[in-house]
Amino acid sequence: QRLRAFRERGQHRWETDYSRLLVFVCGNLDEAFVDLA
């Protein structure tokens, strides 16, 4: 019953809203630093 009710709701009620996150993407890109890395 819970699953059926969930599917009948509008899509905006489905989504989880994390739109106010601050996202840091961190990494080492050897391709950018050529032979140095």
All heavy atoms as atom14 arrays in JSON, in Angstrom:
{
  "sequence": "QRLRAFRERGQHRWETDYSRLLVFVCGNLDEAFVDLA",
  "atom14_mask": [
    [1, 1, 1, 1, 1, 1, 1, 1, 1, 0, 0, 0, 0, 0],
    [1, 1, 1, 1, 1, 1, 1, 1, 1, 1, 1, 0, 0, 0],
    [1, 1, 1, 1, 1, 1, 1, 1, 0, 0, 0, 0, 0, 0],
    [1, 1, 1, 1, 1, 1, 1, 1, 1, 1, 1, 0, 0, 0],
    [1, 1, 1, 1, 1, 0, 0, 0, 0, 0, 0, 0, 0, 0],
    [1, 1, 1, 1, 1, 1, 1, 1, 1, 1, 1, 0, 0, 0],
    [1, 1, 1, 1, 1, 1, 1, 1, 1, 1, 1, 0, 0, 0],
    [1, 1, 1, 1, 1, 1, 1, 1, 1, 0, 0, 0, 0, 0],
    [1, 1, 1, 1, 1, 1, 1, 1, 1, 1, 1, 0, 0, 0],
    [1, 1, 1, 1, 0, 0, 0, 0, 0, 0, 0, 0, 0, 0],
    [1, 1, 1, 1, 1, 1, 1, 1, 1, 0, 0, 0, 0, 0],
    [1, 1, 1, 1, 1, 1, 1, 1, 1, 1, 0, 0, 0, 0],
    [1, 1, 1, 1, 1, 1, 1, 1, 1, 1, 1, 0, 0, 0],
    [1, 1, 1, 1, 1, 1, 1, 1, 1, 1, 1, 1, 1, 1],
    [1, 1, 1, 1, 1, 1, 1, 1, 1, 0, 0, 0, 0, 0],
    [1, 1, 1, 1, 1, 1, 1, 0, 0, 0, 0, 0, 0, 0],
    [1, 1, 1, 1, 1, 1, 1, 1, 0, 0, 0, 0, 0, 0],
    [1, 1, 1, 1, 1, 1, 1, 1, 1, 1, 1, 1, 0, 0],
    [1, 1, 1, 1, 1, 1, 0, 0, 0, 0, 0, 0, 0, 0],
    [1, 1, 1, 1, 1, 1, 1, 1, 1, 1, 1, 0, 0, 0],
    [1, 1, 1, 1, 1, 1, 1, 1, 0, 0, 0, 0, 0, 0],
    [1, 1, 1, 1, 1, 1, 1, 1, 0, 0, 0, 0, 0, 0],
    [1, 1, 1, 1, 1, 1, 1, 0, 0, 0, 0, 0, 0, 0],
    [1, 1, 1, 1, 1, 1, 1, 1, 1, 1, 1, 0, 0, 0],
    [1, 1, 1, 1, 1, 1, 1, 0, 0, 0, 0, 0, 0, 0],
    [1, 1, 1, 1, 1, 1, 0, 0, 0, 0, 0, 0, 0, 0],
    [1, 1, 1, 1, 0, 0, 0, 0, 0, 0, 0, 0, 0, 0],
    [1, 1, 1, 1, 1, 1, 1, 1, 0, 0, 0, 0, 0, 0],
    [1, 1, 1, 1, 1, 1, 1, 1, 0, 0, 0, 0, 0, 0],
    [1, 1, 1, 1, 1, 1, 1, 1, 0, 0, 0, 0, 0, 0],
    [1, 1, 1, 1, 1, 1, 1, 1, 1, 0, 0, 0, 0, 0],
    [1, 1, 1, 1, 1, 0, 0, 0, 0, 0, 0, 0, 0, 0],
    [1, 1, 1, 1, 1, 1, 1, 1, 1, 1, 1, 0, 0, 0],
    [1, 1, 1, 1, 1, 1, 1, 0, 0, 0, 0, 0, 0, 0],
    [1, 1, 1, 1, 1, 1, 1, 1, 0, 0, 0, 0, 0, 0],
    [1, 1, 1, 1, 1, 1, 1, 1, 0, 0, 0, 0, 0, 0],
    [1, 1, 1, 1, 1, 0, 0, 0, 0, 0, 0, 0, 0, 0]
  ],
  "atom14_positions": [
    [[0.83, -1.2, 0.0], [0.0, 0.0, 0.0], [0.88, 1.26, 0.0], [0.59, 2.23, -0.72], [-0.92, -0.01, 1.22], [-1.88, 1.18, 1.3], [-2.75, 1.11, 2.55], [-2.75, 0.11, 3.27], [-3.48, 2.18, 2.8], [0.0, 0.0, 0.0], [0.0, 0.0, 0.0], [0.0, 0.0, 0.0], [0.0, 0.0, 0.0], [0.0, 0.0, 0.0]],
    [[1.92, 1.25, 0.81], [2.84, 2.4, 0.87], [3.54, 2.6, -0.48], [3.69, 3.74, -0.95], [3.89, 2.17, 1.94], [3.32, 2.06, 3.35], [3.23, 3.4, 4.01], [2.81, 3.28, 5.4], [2.84, 4.28, 6.27], [3.26, 5.47, 5.89], [2.44, 4.1, 7.51], [0.0, 0.0, 0.0], [0.0, 0.0, 0.0], [0.0, 0.0, 0.0]],
    [[3.97, 1.52, -1.09], [4.63, 1.62, -2.39], [3.69, 2.16, -3.45], [4.08, 2.97, -4.3], [5.18, 0.25, -2.81], [6.37, -0.27, -2.01], [6.69, -1.71, -2.39], [7.6, 0.6, -2.25], [0.0, 0.0, 0.0], [0.0, 0.0, 0.0], [0.0, 0.0, 0.0], [0.0, 0.0, 0.0], [0.0, 0.0, 0.0], [0.0, 0.0, 0.0]],
    [[2.44, 1.69, -3.42], [1.45, 2.15, -4.4], [1.18, 3.64, -4.23], [1.13, 4.4, -5.2], [0.17, 1.34, -4.23], [-0.82, 1.52, -5.4], [-2.08, 0.67, -5.18], [-1.77, -0.73, -4.9], [-1.96, -1.3, -3.71], [-2.48, -0.6, -2.71], [-1.65, -2.57, -3.51], [0.0, 0.0, 0.0], [0.0, 0.0, 0.0], [0.0, 0.0, 0.0]],
    [[1.03, 4.08, -2.99], [0.77, 5.51, -2.73], [1.95, 6.37, -3.17], [1.78, 7.48, -3.7], [0.49, 5.71, -1.25], [0.0, 0.0, 0.0], [0.0, 0.0, 0.0], [0.0, 0.0, 0.0], [0.0, 0.0, 0.0], [0.0, 0.0, 0.0], [0.0, 0.0, 0.0], [0.0, 0.0, 0.0], [0.0, 0.0, 0.0], [0.0, 0.0, 0.0]],
    [[3.17, 5.84, -2.97], [4.37, 6.57, -3.37], [4.41, 6.79, -4.88], [4.71, 7.88, -5.36], [5.61, 5.81, -2.9], [6.9, 6.38, -3.4], [7.44, 7.52, -2.82], [7.58, 5.78, -4.45], [8.62, 8.05, -3.29], [8.77, 6.31, -4.92], [9.29, 7.44, -4.34], [0.0, 0.0, 0.0], [0.0, 0.0, 0.0], [0.0, 0.0, 0.0]],
    [[4.09, 5.75, -5.64], [4.13, 5.85, -7.1], [3.04, 6.79, -7.64], [3.19, 7.34, -8.73], [3.98, 4.47, -7.73], [5.2, 3.58, -7.51], [5.14, 2.34, -8.39], [6.35, 1.56, -8.29], [6.52, 0.56, -7.43], [5.53, 0.24, -6.6], [7.66, -0.1, -7.37], [0.0, 0.0, 0.0], [0.0, 0.0, 0.0], [0.0, 0.0, 0.0]],
    [[1.97, 6.93, -6.91], [0.88, 7.78, -7.38], [1.13, 9.26, -7.09], [0.42, 10.12, -7.61], [-0.43, 7.34, -6.72], [-0.92, 5.98, -7.22], [-2.12, 5.46, -6.43], [-2.5, 6.13, -5.43], [-2.64, 4.4, -6.79], [0.0, 0.0, 0.0], [0.0, 0.0, 0.0], [0.0, 0.0, 0.0], [0.0, 0.0, 0.0], [0.0, 0.0, 0.0]],
    [[2.14, 9.56, -6.25], [2.45, 10.95, -5.97], [3.16, 11.59, -7.17], [3.75, 10.92, -8.01], [3.37, 11.05, -4.75], [2.62, 10.86, -3.44], [3.5, 11.21, -2.27], [4.51, 10.16, -2.03], [5.4, 10.21, -1.06], [5.46, 11.26, -0.28], [6.26, 9.23, -0.9], [0.0, 0.0, 0.0], [0.0, 0.0, 0.0], [0.0, 0.0, 0.0]],
    [[3.15, 12.93, -7.26], [3.85, 13.62, -8.33], [5.35, 13.47, -8.19], [5.88, 13.22, -7.1], [0.0, 0.0, 0.0], [0.0, 0.0, 0.0], [0.0, 0.0, 0.0], [0.0, 0.0, 0.0], [0.0, 0.0, 0.0], [0.0, 0.0, 0.0], [0.0, 0.0, 0.0], [0.0, 0.0, 0.0], [0.0, 0.0, 0.0], [0.0, 0.0, 0.0]],
    [[6.06, 13.68, -9.32], [7.51, 13.47, -9.32], [8.23, 14.41, -8.35], [9.25, 14.04, -7.77], [8.06, 13.66, -10.74], [9.55, 13.35, -10.82], [10.07, 13.42, -12.24], [9.28, 13.51, -13.17], [11.37, 13.39, -12.4], [0.0, 0.0, 0.0], [0.0, 0.0, 0.0], [0.0, 0.0, 0.0], [0.0, 0.0, 0.0], [0.0, 0.0, 0.0]],
    [[7.69, 15.63, -8.18], [8.36, 16.58, -7.29], [8.37, 16.09, -5.85], [9.19, 16.5, -5.05], [7.67, 17.95, -7.37], [6.28, 17.95, -6.81], [5.19, 17.44, -7.51], [5.79, 18.39, -5.62], [4.1, 17.58, -6.76], [4.43, 18.15, -5.62], [0.0, 0.0, 0.0], [0.0, 0.0, 0.0], [0.0, 0.0, 0.0], [0.0, 0.0, 0.0]],
    [[7.44, 15.19, -5.52], [7.41, 14.63, -4.17], [8.38, 13.44, -4.04], [8.68, 13.0, -2.94], [5.98, 14.17, -3.83], [4.94, 15.28, -3.83], [4.99, 16.07, -2.53], [4.77, 15.23, -1.38], [3.56, 14.86, -0.94], [2.47, 15.23, -1.6], [3.45, 14.12, 0.14], [0.0, 0.0, 0.0], [0.0, 0.0, 0.0], [0.0, 0.0, 0.0]],
    [[8.79, 12.89, -5.16], [9.72, 11.75, -5.14], [11.13, 12.18, -4.76], [11.85, 11.5, -4.05], [9.79, 11.11, -6.53], [8.6, 10.32, -6.93], [7.35, 10.35, -6.4], [8.56, 9.36, -7.98], [6.52, 9.49, -7.04], [7.24, 8.85, -8.04], [9.48, 8.87, -8.9], [6.84, 7.89, -8.94], [9.1, 7.93, -9.81], [7.78, 7.43, -9.84]],
    [[11.57, 13.31, -5.33], [12.98, 13.68, -5.27], [13.39, 14.13, -3.87], [12.6, 14.67, -3.11], [13.24, 14.82, -6.26], [13.01, 14.44, -7.7], [13.11, 15.64, -8.63], [12.83, 16.77, -8.18], [13.46, 15.43, -9.8], [0.0, 0.0, 0.0], [0.0, 0.0, 0.0], [0.0, 0.0, 0.0], [0.0, 0.0, 0.0], [0.0, 0.0, 0.0]],
    [[14.67, 13.9, -3.59], [15.28, 14.41, -2.36], [16.09, 15.63, -2.75], [16.95, 15.57, -3.64], [16.19, 13.35, -1.72], [15.42, 12.17, -1.48], [16.74, 13.86, -0.39], [0.0, 0.0, 0.0], [0.0, 0.0, 0.0], [0.0, 0.0, 0.0], [0.0, 0.0, 0.0], [0.0, 0.0, 0.0], [0.0, 0.0, 0.0], [0.0, 0.0, 0.0]],
    [[15.83, 16.75, -2.09], [16.38, 18.04, -2.51], [17.64, 18.39, -1.71], [17.58, 18.74, -0.53], [15.31, 19.12, -2.32], [15.75, 20.47, -2.88], [16.9, 20.57, -3.33], [14.93, 21.41, -2.86], [0.0, 0.0, 0.0], [0.0, 0.0, 0.0], [0.0, 0.0, 0.0], [0.0, 0.0, 0.0], [0.0, 0.0, 0.0], [0.0, 0.0, 0.0]],
    [[18.8, 18.29, -2.38], [20.07, 18.71, -1.8], [20.63, 19.89, -2.58], [21.84, 20.03, -2.75], [21.07, 17.56, -1.81], [20.74, 16.45, -0.85], [20.4, 15.17, -1.32], [20.76, 16.65, 0.52], [20.09, 14.14, -0.45], [20.45, 15.62, 1.41], [20.12, 14.38, 0.91], [19.81, 13.36, 1.79], [0.0, 0.0, 0.0], [0.0, 0.0, 0.0]],
    [[19.75, 20.76, -3.06], [20.16, 21.84, -3.93], [20.97, 22.93, -3.23], [21.56, 23.78, -3.89], [18.93, 22.48, -4.6], [18.03, 22.97, -3.62], [0.0, 0.0, 0.0], [0.0, 0.0, 0.0], [0.0, 0.0, 0.0], [0.0, 0.0, 0.0], [0.0, 0.0, 0.0], [0.0, 0.0, 0.0], [0.0, 0.0, 0.0], [0.0, 0.0, 0.0]],
    [[21.01, 22.93, -1.9], [21.77, 23.95, -1.18], [23.1, 23.42, -0.64], [23.7, 24.0, 0.27], [20.93, 24.52, -0.03], [19.76, 25.34, -0.55], [19.02, 26.06, 0.53], [17.94, 26.88, -0.02], [17.06, 27.55, 0.7], [17.12, 27.49, 2.03], [16.12, 28.26, 0.13], [0.0, 0.0, 0.0], [0.0, 0.0, 0.0], [0.0, 0.0, 0.0]],
    [[23.57, 22.35, -1.23], [24.87, 21.82, -0.84], [26.0, 22.66, -1.42], [25.89, 23.23, -2.51], [25.04, 20.38, -1.35], [24.44, 19.24, -0.55], [24.73, 17.92, -1.26], [24.99, 19.2, 0.87], [0.0, 0.0, 0.0], [0.0, 0.0, 0.0], [0.0, 0.0, 0.0], [0.0, 0.0, 0.0], [0.0, 0.0, 0.0], [0.0, 0.0, 0.0]],
    [[27.09, 22.71, -0.68], [28.37, 23.17, -1.2], [29.18, 21.92, -1.49], [29.48, 21.15, -0.57], [29.08, 24.07, -0.18], [30.54, 24.44, -0.49], [30.64, 25.21, -1.8], [31.13, 25.25, 0.67], [0.0, 0.0, 0.0], [0.0, 0.0, 0.0], [0.0, 0.0, 0.0], [0.0, 0.0, 0.0], [0.0, 0.0, 0.0], [0.0, 0.0, 0.0]],
    [[29.51, 21.7, -2.75], [30.19, 20.47, -3.16], [31.63, 20.8, -3.57], [31.85, 21.6, -4.48], [29.47, 19.79, -4.34], [30.19, 18.49, -4.72], [28.01, 19.51, -3.97], [0.0, 0.0, 0.0], [0.0, 0.0, 0.0], [0.0, 0.0, 0.0], [0.0, 0.0, 0.0], [0.0, 0.0, 0.0], [0.0, 0.0, 0.0], [0.0, 0.0, 0.0]],
    [[32.59, 20.19, -2.89], [33.99, 20.29, -3.27], [34.39, 19.02, -4.01], [34.27, 17.92, -3.46], [34.89, 20.48, -2.05], [34.84, 21.86, -1.46], [34.09, 22.12, -0.32], [35.54, 22.9, -2.04], [34.04, 23.38, 0.22], [35.5, 24.18, -1.5], [34.74, 24.42, -0.37], [0.0, 0.0, 0.0], [0.0, 0.0, 0.0], [0.0, 0.0, 0.0]],
    [[34.85, 19.18, -5.23], [35.38, 18.06, -6.01], [36.9, 18.18, -5.97], [37.47, 19.17, -6.45], [34.87, 18.1, -7.46], [35.51, 16.99, -8.29], [33.35, 17.98, -7.49], [0.0, 0.0, 0.0], [0.0, 0.0, 0.0], [0.0, 0.0, 0.0], [0.0, 0.0, 0.0], [0.0, 0.0, 0.0], [0.0, 0.0, 0.0], [0.0, 0.0, 0.0]],
    [[37.58, 17.19, -5.38], [39.03, 17.25, -5.19], [39.71, 16.11, -5.93], [39.18, 14.98, -5.96], [39.4, 17.19, -3.71], [38.6, 18.44, -2.68], [0.0, 0.0, 0.0], [0.0, 0.0, 0.0], [0.0, 0.0, 0.0], [0.0, 0.0, 0.0], [0.0, 0.0, 0.0], [0.0, 0.0, 0.0], [0.0, 0.0, 0.0], [0.0, 0.0, 0.0]],
    [[40.87, 16.37, -6.5], [41.57, 15.28, -7.17], [42.92, 15.69, -7.7], [43.31, 16.86, -7.69], [0.0, 0.0, 0.0], [0.0, 0.0, 0.0], [0.0, 0.0, 0.0], [0.0, 0.0, 0.0], [0.0, 0.0, 0.0], [0.0, 0.0, 0.0], [0.0, 0.0, 0.0], [0.0, 0.0, 0.0], [0.0, 0.0, 0.0], [0.0, 0.0, 0.0]],
    [[43.64, 14.68, -8.16], [44.95, 14.86, -8.8], [44.8, 14.47, -10.27], [44.46, 13.33, -10.56], [46.02, 13.96, -8.16], [45.99, 14.02, -6.65], [45.75, 15.06, -6.08], [46.23, 12.89, -6.01], [0.0, 0.0, 0.0], [0.0, 0.0, 0.0], [0.0, 0.0, 0.0], [0.0, 0.0, 0.0], [0.0, 0.0, 0.0], [0.0, 0.0, 0.0]],
    [[45.06, 15.4, -11.16], [44.94, 15.12, -12.59], [46.33, 15.03, -13.21], [46.93, 16.04, -13.57], [44.11, 16.21, -13.28], [42.6, 16.19, -13.02], [41.93, 17.39, -13.66], [41.97, 14.89, -13.52], [0.0, 0.0, 0.0], [0.0, 0.0, 0.0], [0.0, 0.0, 0.0], [0.0, 0.0, 0.0], [0.0, 0.0, 0.0], [0.0, 0.0, 0.0]],
    [[46.85, 13.8, -13.3], [48.19, 13.62, -13.87], [48.25, 14.13, -15.3], [49.3, 14.61, -15.76], [48.58, 12.14, -13.83], [48.77, 11.64, -12.42], [48.7, 12.46, -11.49], [48.97, 10.43, -12.24], [0.0, 0.0, 0.0], [0.0, 0.0, 0.0], [0.0, 0.0, 0.0], [0.0, 0.0, 0.0], [0.0, 0.0, 0.0], [0.0, 0.0, 0.0]],
    [[47.13, 14.01, -16.04], [47.13, 14.44, -17.44], [47.39, 15.93, -17.56], [48.0, 16.39, -18.53], [45.78, 14.11, -18.1], [45.49, 12.63, -18.23], [44.78, 12.06, -17.02], [44.76, 12.73, -15.96], [44.26, 10.94, -17.1], [0.0, 0.0, 0.0], [0.0, 0.0, 0.0], [0.0, 0.0, 0.0], [0.0, 0.0, 0.0], [0.0, 0.0, 0.0]],
    [[46.92, 16.72, -16.58], [47.13, 18.17, -16.63], [48.55, 18.54, -16.24], [49.12, 19.49, -16.78], [46.14, 18.87, -15.7], [0.0, 0.0, 0.0], [0.0, 0.0, 0.0], [0.0, 0.0, 0.0], [0.0, 0.0, 0.0], [0.0, 0.0, 0.0], [0.0, 0.0, 0.0], [0.0, 0.0, 0.0], [0.0, 0.0, 0.0], [0.0, 0.0, 0.0]],
    [[49.13, 17.79, -15.3], [50.45, 18.13, -14.81], [51.56, 17.39, -15.57], [52.7, 17.39, -15.16], [50.54, 17.82, -13.31], [49.7, 18.74, -12.48], [48.39, 18.42, -12.17], [50.21, 19.94, -12.03], [47.61, 19.27, -11.41], [49.44, 20.81, -11.27], [48.13, 20.47, -10.96], [0.0, 0.0, 0.0], [0.0, 0.0, 0.0], [0.0, 0.0, 0.0]],
    [[51.18, 16.75, -16.66], [52.09, 16.07, -17.58], [53.05, 15.17, -16.8], [52.62, 14.34, -16.04], [52.86, 17.09, -18.47], [53.47, 16.4, -19.68], [51.91, 18.19, -18.96], [0.0, 0.0, 0.0], [0.0, 0.0, 0.0], [0.0, 0.0, 0.0], [0.0, 0.0, 0.0], [0.0, 0.0, 0.0], [0.0, 0.0, 0.0], [0.0, 0.0, 0.0]],
    [[54.37, 15.38, -16.95], [55.34, 14.49, -16.31], [55.6, 14.85, -14.85], [56.21, 14.07, -14.12], [56.68, 14.53, -17.07], [56.54, 14.02, -18.48], [55.69, 13.15, -18.7], [57.28, 14.5, -19.36], [0.0, 0.0, 0.0], [0.0, 0.0, 0.0], [0.0, 0.0, 0.0], [0.0, 0.0, 0.0], [0.0, 0.0, 0.0], [0.0, 0.0, 0.0]],
    [[55.13, 16.02, -14.41], [55.45, 16.47, -13.05], [54.84, 15.56, -12.0], [55.46, 15.27, -10.97], [54.97, 17.9, -12.85], [55.61, 18.96, -13.75], [55.01, 20.33, -13.45], [57.11, 18.99, -13.56], [0.0, 0.0, 0.0], [0.0, 0.0, 0.0], [0.0, 0.0, 0.0], [0.0, 0.0, 0.0], [0.0, 0.0, 0.0], [0.0, 0.0, 0.0]],
    [[53.59, 15.1, -12.23], [52.89, 14.32, -11.22], [53.54, 12.97, -10.97], [53.4, 12.4, -9.9], [51.43, 14.12, -11.64], [0.0, 0.0, 0.0], [0.0, 0.0, 0.0], [0.0, 0.0, 0.0], [0.0, 0.0, 0.0], [0.0, 0.0, 0.0], [0.0, 0.0, 0.0], [0.0, 0.0, 0.0], [0.0, 0.0, 0.0], [0.0, 0.0, 0.0]]
  ]
}
